[in-house]
Amino acid sequence: MEAEPAKAGVSPPKPS
């Protein structure tokens, strides 16, 4: 959760 809003309360695996 860097600067992206969580979609439907789910955090997709993104390269941080």
Foldseek 3Di string as FASTA:
>chain_A
DPPDDADPPDDDDDDD
